């Protein structure tokens, strides 16, 4: 601690006179009494931009589908934020990476649940596009195979009450 106080005093010598430097030293010692200073790690982090080609191809496909330029720009904005934050190759992104980003996004930006739902739809569209084989060489990522749609009942004709469209009971096979 004393070394840092002395460093501050050395830097202030050109600005303050001797009496002010003594007062500053006393104040710094009182303020930092009981504090501990630890050296911050200074590491370089290499940005992984391997996702950029997939992103541009995806955005081009959306433009060709007829999405408005504003929509394509919004997709670019949201996906660049996610992919830059995660800083991984697209094939290495996990559900945990996305959910962690979404929690941080909501906490920092103070957005509504509807906004999160809209952002989630952008991510879902991008990753579904990749899953179908259009992007990134059609790499089948295992966590994309588990979709919430595959966990639903096998019969798409069931209604919310568990009955088939033909009016028979779904489980018992009897009529109501």
C-alpha atoms as a PDB file:
ATOM      1  CA  UNK A   1       0.000   0.000   0.000  1.00  0.00           C
ATOM      2  CA  UNK A   2       2.805   2.355   0.933  1.00  0.00           C
ATOM      3  CA  UNK A   3       4.354   1.963  -2.535  1.00  0.00           C
ATOM      4  CA  UNK A   4       1.151   3.091  -4.245  1.00  0.00           C
ATOM      5  CA  UNK A   5       0.826   6.091  -1.911  1.00  0.00           C
ATOM      6  CA  UNK A   6       4.413   7.087  -2.709  1.00  0.00           C
ATOM      7  CA  UNK A   7       3.680   6.705  -6.449  1.00  0.00           C
ATOM      8  CA  UNK A   8       0.711   9.088  -6.119  1.00  0.00           C
ATOM      9  CA  UNK A   9       2.836  11.592  -4.224  1.00  0.00           C
ATOM     10  CA  UNK A  10       5.607  11.445  -6.852  1.00  0.00           C
ATOM     11  CA  UNK A  11       3.084  12.137  -9.598  1.00  0.00           C
ATOM     12  CA  UNK A  12       1.597  15.068  -7.676  1.00  0.00           C
ATOM     13  CA  UNK A  13       4.973  16.745  -6.858  1.00  0.00           C
ATOM     14  CA  UNK A  14       4.802  19.041  -9.863  1.00  0.00           C
ATOM     15  CA  UNK A  15       1.310  20.213  -8.935  1.00  0.00           C
ATOM     16  CA  UNK A  16       1.314  20.473  -5.110  1.00  0.00           C
ATOM     17  CA  UNK A  17       3.669  22.212  -2.706  1.00  0.00           C
ATOM     18  CA  UNK A  18       5.388  20.393   0.179  1.00  0.00           C
ATOM     19  CA  UNK A  19       2.661  21.086   2.765  1.00  0.00           C
ATOM     20  CA  UNK A  20      -0.097  19.843   0.449  1.00  0.00           C
ATOM     21  CA  UNK A  21       1.910  16.696  -0.321  1.00  0.00           C
ATOM     22  CA  UNK A  22       2.203  15.934   3.433  1.00  0.00           C
ATOM     23  CA  UNK A  23      -1.536  16.469   3.851  1.00  0.00           C
ATOM     24  CA  UNK A  24      -2.256  14.263   0.839  1.00  0.00           C
ATOM     25  CA  UNK A  25      -0.044  11.508   2.224  1.00  0.00           C
ATOM     26  CA  UNK A  26      -1.854  11.638   5.580  1.00  0.00           C
ATOM     27  CA  UNK A  27      -5.271  11.538   3.911  1.00  0.00           C
ATOM     28  CA  UNK A  28      -4.292   8.641   1.667  1.00  0.00           C
ATOM     29  CA  UNK A  29      -2.950   6.657   4.639  1.00  0.00           C
ATOM     30  CA  UNK A  30      -6.173   7.221   6.596  1.00  0.00           C
ATOM     31  CA  UNK A  31      -8.443   6.404   3.659  1.00  0.00           C
ATOM     32  CA  UNK A  32      -6.580   3.253   2.662  1.00  0.00           C
ATOM     33  CA  UNK A  33      -6.025   1.973   6.212  1.00  0.00           C
ATOM     34  CA  UNK A  34      -6.934  -1.719   6.259  1.00  0.00           C
ATOM     35  CA  UNK A  35      -7.227  -1.942   2.478  1.00  0.00           C
ATOM     36  CA  UNK A  36      -5.313  -4.376   0.358  1.00  0.00           C
ATOM     37  CA  UNK A  37      -4.209  -3.762  -3.190  1.00  0.00           C
ATOM     38  CA  UNK A  38      -3.878  -6.617  -5.641  1.00  0.00           C
ATOM     39  CA  UNK A  39      -2.339  -6.345  -9.070  1.00  0.00           C
ATOM     40  CA  UNK A  40      -4.903  -6.652 -11.859  1.00  0.00           C
ATOM     41  CA  UNK A  41      -4.155  -9.254 -14.477  1.00  0.00           C
ATOM     42  CA  UNK A  42      -3.488  -7.736 -17.826  1.00  0.00           C
ATOM     43  CA  UNK A  43      -4.177 -10.294 -20.482  1.00  0.00           C
ATOM     44  CA  UNK A  44      -4.768  -9.935 -24.136  1.00  0.00           C
ATOM     45  CA  UNK A  45      -7.880 -11.609 -25.375  1.00  0.00           C
ATOM     46  CA  UNK A  46      -8.029 -12.513 -29.028  1.00  0.00           C
ATOM     47  CA  UNK A  47     -11.392 -11.822 -30.582  1.00  0.00           C
ATOM     48  CA  UNK A  48     -12.818 -14.818 -32.403  1.00  0.00           C
ATOM     49  CA  UNK A  49     -14.545 -13.534 -35.527  1.00  0.00           C
ATOM     50  CA  UNK A  50     -14.890 -16.896 -37.254  1.00  0.00           C
ATOM     51  CA  UNK A  51     -18.644 -16.388 -37.117  1.00  0.00           C
ATOM     52  CA  UNK A  52     -18.560 -13.364 -39.430  1.00  0.00           C
ATOM     53  CA  UNK A  53     -18.905 -15.350 -42.666  1.00  0.00           C
ATOM     54  CA  UNK A  54     -21.855 -17.355 -41.339  1.00  0.00           C
ATOM     55  CA  UNK A  55     -23.494 -14.153 -40.129  1.00  0.00           C
ATOM     56  CA  UNK A  56     -23.135 -12.396 -43.477  1.00  0.00           C
ATOM     57  CA  UNK A  57     -24.458 -15.427 -45.374  1.00  0.00           C
ATOM     58  CA  UNK A  58     -27.416 -15.640 -43.000  1.00  0.00           C
ATOM     59  CA  UNK A  59     -28.202 -11.943 -43.400  1.00  0.00           C
ATOM     60  CA  UNK A  60     -27.951 -12.244 -47.167  1.00  0.00           C
ATOM     61  CA  UNK A  61     -30.406 -15.153 -47.099  1.00  0.00           C
ATOM     62  CA  UNK A  62     -32.826 -13.075 -45.013  1.00  0.00           C
ATOM     63  CA  UNK A  63     -32.559 -10.172 -47.464  1.00  0.00           C
ATOM     64  CA  UNK A  64     -33.235 -12.567 -50.348  1.00  0.00           C
ATOM     65  CA  UNK A  65     -36.285 -13.890 -48.469  1.00  0.00           C
ATOM     66  CA  UNK A  66     -37.673 -10.377 -48.634  1.00  0.00           C
ATOM     67  CA  UNK A  67     -36.977  -9.117 -45.107  1.00  0.00           C
ATOM     68  CA  UNK A  68     -36.844  -5.330 -44.943  1.00  0.00           C
ATOM     69  CA  UNK A  69     -33.452  -3.633 -44.677  1.00  0.00           C
ATOM     70  CA  UNK A  70     -34.381  -2.465 -41.175  1.00  0.00           C
ATOM     71  CA  UNK A  71     -35.098  -6.033 -40.085  1.00  0.00           C
ATOM     72  CA  UNK A  72     -31.826  -7.282 -41.558  1.00  0.00           C
ATOM     73  CA  UNK A  73     -29.962  -4.467 -39.778  1.00  0.00           C
ATOM     74  CA  UNK A  74     -31.637  -5.398 -36.481  1.00  0.00           C
ATOM     75  CA  UNK A  75     -30.684  -9.060 -36.976  1.00  0.00           C
ATOM     76  CA  UNK A  76     -27.096  -7.980 -37.659  1.00  0.00           C
ATOM     77  CA  UNK A  77     -27.029  -5.786 -34.548  1.00  0.00           C
ATOM     78  CA  UNK A  78     -28.408  -8.450 -32.198  1.00  0.00           C
ATOM     79  CA  UNK A  79     -26.328 -11.316 -33.591  1.00  0.00           C
ATOM     80  CA  UNK A  80     -23.091  -9.309 -33.617  1.00  0.00           C
ATOM     81  CA  UNK A  81     -23.649  -8.410 -29.960  1.00  0.00           C
ATOM     82  CA  UNK A  82     -24.216 -12.045 -28.998  1.00  0.00           C
ATOM     83  CA  UNK A  83     -21.391 -13.508 -31.046  1.00  0.00           C
ATOM     84  CA  UNK A  84     -18.902 -10.840 -29.942  1.00  0.00           C
ATOM     85  CA  UNK A  85     -19.863 -11.346 -26.298  1.00  0.00           C
ATOM     86  CA  UNK A  86     -19.572 -15.134 -26.455  1.00  0.00           C
ATOM     87  CA  UNK A  87     -16.324 -14.847 -28.454  1.00  0.00           C
ATOM     88  CA  UNK A  88     -16.333 -18.440 -29.680  1.00  0.00           C
ATOM     89  CA  UNK A  89     -16.628 -20.210 -32.979  1.00  0.00           C
ATOM     90  CA  UNK A  90     -20.303 -20.725 -33.791  1.00  0.00           C
ATOM     91  CA  UNK A  91     -19.998 -24.513 -33.479  1.00  0.00           C
ATOM     92  CA  UNK A  92     -18.669 -24.136 -29.907  1.00  0.00           C
ATOM     93  CA  UNK A  93     -21.516 -21.972 -28.602  1.00  0.00           C
ATOM     94  CA  UNK A  94     -23.630 -23.738 -25.979  1.00  0.00           C
ATOM     95  CA  UNK A  95     -27.060 -23.122 -24.517  1.00  0.00           C
ATOM     96  CA  UNK A  96     -25.281 -21.909 -21.380  1.00  0.00           C
ATOM     97  CA  UNK A  97     -23.409 -19.268 -23.363  1.00  0.00           C
ATOM     98  CA  UNK A  98     -26.629 -17.921 -24.823  1.00  0.00           C
ATOM     99  CA  UNK A  99     -28.595 -17.991 -21.581  1.00  0.00           C
ATOM    100  CA  UNK A 100     -25.714 -16.285 -19.746  1.00  0.00           C
ATOM    101  CA  UNK A 101     -25.668 -13.572 -22.369  1.00  0.00           C
ATOM    102  CA  UNK A 102     -29.445 -13.171 -22.173  1.00  0.00           C
ATOM    103  CA  UNK A 103     -29.291 -12.739 -18.381  1.00  0.00           C
ATOM    104  CA  UNK A 104     -26.579 -10.103 -18.739  1.00  0.00           C
ATOM    105  CA  UNK A 105     -28.496  -8.428 -21.574  1.00  0.00           C
ATOM    106  CA  UNK A 106     -31.644  -8.135 -19.462  1.00  0.00           C
ATOM    107  CA  UNK A 107     -29.786  -6.924 -16.363  1.00  0.00           C
ATOM    108  CA  UNK A 108     -27.701  -4.313 -18.159  1.00  0.00           C
ATOM    109  CA  UNK A 109     -30.214  -3.001 -20.675  1.00  0.00           C
ATOM    110  CA  UNK A 110     -33.301  -3.282 -18.425  1.00  0.00           C
ATOM    111  CA  UNK A 111     -35.434  -4.575 -21.296  1.00  0.00           C
ATOM    112  CA  UNK A 112     -38.902  -6.071 -21.153  1.00  0.00           C
ATOM    113  CA  UNK A 113     -39.648  -9.755 -21.515  1.00  0.00           C
ATOM    114  CA  UNK A 114     -41.193  -9.057 -24.926  1.00  0.00           C
ATOM    115  CA  UNK A 115     -37.923  -7.538 -26.123  1.00  0.00           C
ATOM    116  CA  UNK A 116     -36.070 -10.607 -24.883  1.00  0.00           C
ATOM    117  CA  UNK A 117     -38.560 -12.795 -26.705  1.00  0.00           C
ATOM    118  CA  UNK A 118     -37.907 -10.880 -29.936  1.00  0.00           C
ATOM    119  CA  UNK A 119     -34.138 -11.150 -29.497  1.00  0.00           C
ATOM    120  CA  UNK A 120     -34.467 -14.863 -28.736  1.00  0.00           C
ATOM    121  CA  UNK A 121     -36.415 -15.268 -31.986  1.00  0.00           C
ATOM    122  CA  UNK A 122     -33.504 -13.736 -33.915  1.00  0.00           C
ATOM    123  CA  UNK A 123     -31.062 -16.165 -32.282  1.00  0.00           C
ATOM    124  CA  UNK A 124     -33.391 -19.085 -32.901  1.00  0.00           C
ATOM    125  CA  UNK A 125     -33.699 -18.179 -36.564  1.00  0.00           C
ATOM    126  CA  UNK A 126     -29.921 -17.893 -36.982  1.00  0.00           C
ATOM    127  CA  UNK A 127     -29.126 -21.183 -35.270  1.00  0.00           C
ATOM    128  CA  UNK A 128     -31.951 -22.980 -37.076  1.00  0.00           C
ATOM    129  CA  UNK A 129     -30.532 -21.697 -40.353  1.00  0.00           C
ATOM    130  CA  UNK A 130     -27.150 -23.140 -39.382  1.00  0.00           C
ATOM    131  CA  UNK A 131     -28.722 -26.416 -38.250  1.00  0.00           C
ATOM    132  CA  UNK A 132     -30.458 -26.980 -41.579  1.00  0.00           C
ATOM    133  CA  UNK A 133     -27.096 -27.176 -43.253  1.00  0.00           C
ATOM    134  CA  UNK A 134     -27.254 -23.865 -45.015  1.00  0.00           C
ATOM    135  CA  UNK A 135     -24.552 -22.274 -42.918  1.00  0.00           C
ATOM    136  CA  UNK A 136     -21.141 -23.398 -41.693  1.00  0.00           C
ATOM    137  CA  UNK A 137     -21.026 -26.498 -43.838  1.00  0.00           C
ATOM    138  CA  UNK A 138     -24.089 -28.033 -42.240  1.00  0.00           C
ATOM    139  CA  UNK A 139     -22.362 -28.971 -38.996  1.00  0.00           C
ATOM    140  CA  UNK A 140     -24.896 -30.833 -36.835  1.00  0.00           C
ATOM    141  CA  UNK A 141     -24.445 -29.496 -33.316  1.00  0.00           C
ATOM    142  CA  UNK A 142     -25.832 -31.939 -30.739  1.00  0.00           C
ATOM    143  CA  UNK A 143     -27.544 -29.337 -28.566  1.00  0.00           C
ATOM    144  CA  UNK A 144     -29.537 -28.134 -31.547  1.00  0.00           C
ATOM    145  CA  UNK A 145     -30.958 -31.579 -32.120  1.00  0.00           C
ATOM    146  CA  UNK A 146     -32.849 -31.314 -28.833  1.00  0.00           C
ATOM    147  CA  UNK A 147     -35.601 -28.946 -29.707  1.00  0.00           C
ATOM    148  CA  UNK A 148     -38.653 -28.200 -27.673  1.00  0.00           C
ATOM    149  CA  UNK A 149     -40.772 -29.383 -30.601  1.00  0.00           C
ATOM    150  CA  UNK A 150     -39.324 -32.877 -30.499  1.00  0.00           C
ATOM    151  CA  UNK A 151     -40.368 -33.256 -26.853  1.00  0.00           C
ATOM    152  CA  UNK A 152     -44.026 -32.696 -27.694  1.00  0.00           C
ATOM    153  CA  UNK A 153     -46.463 -35.490 -28.377  1.00  0.00           C
ATOM    154  CA  UNK A 154     -45.831 -37.485 -31.501  1.00  0.00           C
ATOM    155  CA  UNK A 155     -49.256 -36.756 -32.945  1.00  0.00           C
ATOM    156  CA  UNK A 156     -49.602 -33.235 -34.343  1.00  0.00           C
ATOM    157  CA  UNK A 157     -53.380 -33.650 -34.545  1.00  0.00           C
ATOM    158  CA  UNK A 158     -53.979 -33.635 -30.803  1.00  0.00           C
ATOM    159  CA  UNK A 159     -55.772 -30.683 -29.313  1.00  0.00           C
ATOM    160  CA  UNK A 160     -55.015 -29.057 -25.965  1.00  0.00           C
ATOM    161  CA  UNK A 161     -57.499 -31.318 -24.178  1.00  0.00           C
ATOM    162  CA  UNK A 162     -55.755 -34.481 -25.327  1.00  0.00           C
ATOM    163  CA  UNK A 163     -58.352 -35.369 -27.929  1.00  0.00           C
ATOM    164  CA  UNK A 164     -57.711 -36.062 -31.551  1.00  0.00           C
ATOM    165  CA  UNK A 165     -59.287 -33.851 -34.153  1.00  0.00           C
ATOM    166  CA  UNK A 166     -61.696 -36.668 -34.995  1.00  0.00           C
ATOM    167  CA  UNK A 167     -63.303 -36.317 -31.557  1.00  0.00           C
ATOM    168  CA  UNK A 168     -62.103 -39.544 -29.933  1.00  0.00           C
ATOM    169  CA  UNK A 169     -60.322 -39.548 -26.609  1.00  0.00           C
ATOM    170  CA  UNK A 170     -56.572 -39.651 -27.122  1.00  0.00           C
ATOM    171  CA  UNK A 171     -55.653 -42.146 -24.402  1.00  0.00           C
ATOM    172  CA  UNK A 172     -58.597 -44.441 -23.992  1.00  0.00           C
ATOM    173  CA  UNK A 173     -59.623 -44.676 -27.596  1.00  0.00           C
ATOM    174  CA  UNK A 174     -63.252 -44.212 -26.551  1.00  0.00           C
ATOM    175  CA  UNK A 175     -65.639 -41.514 -27.530  1.00  0.00           C
ATOM    176  CA  UNK A 176     -66.567 -38.908 -24.904  1.00  0.00           C
END
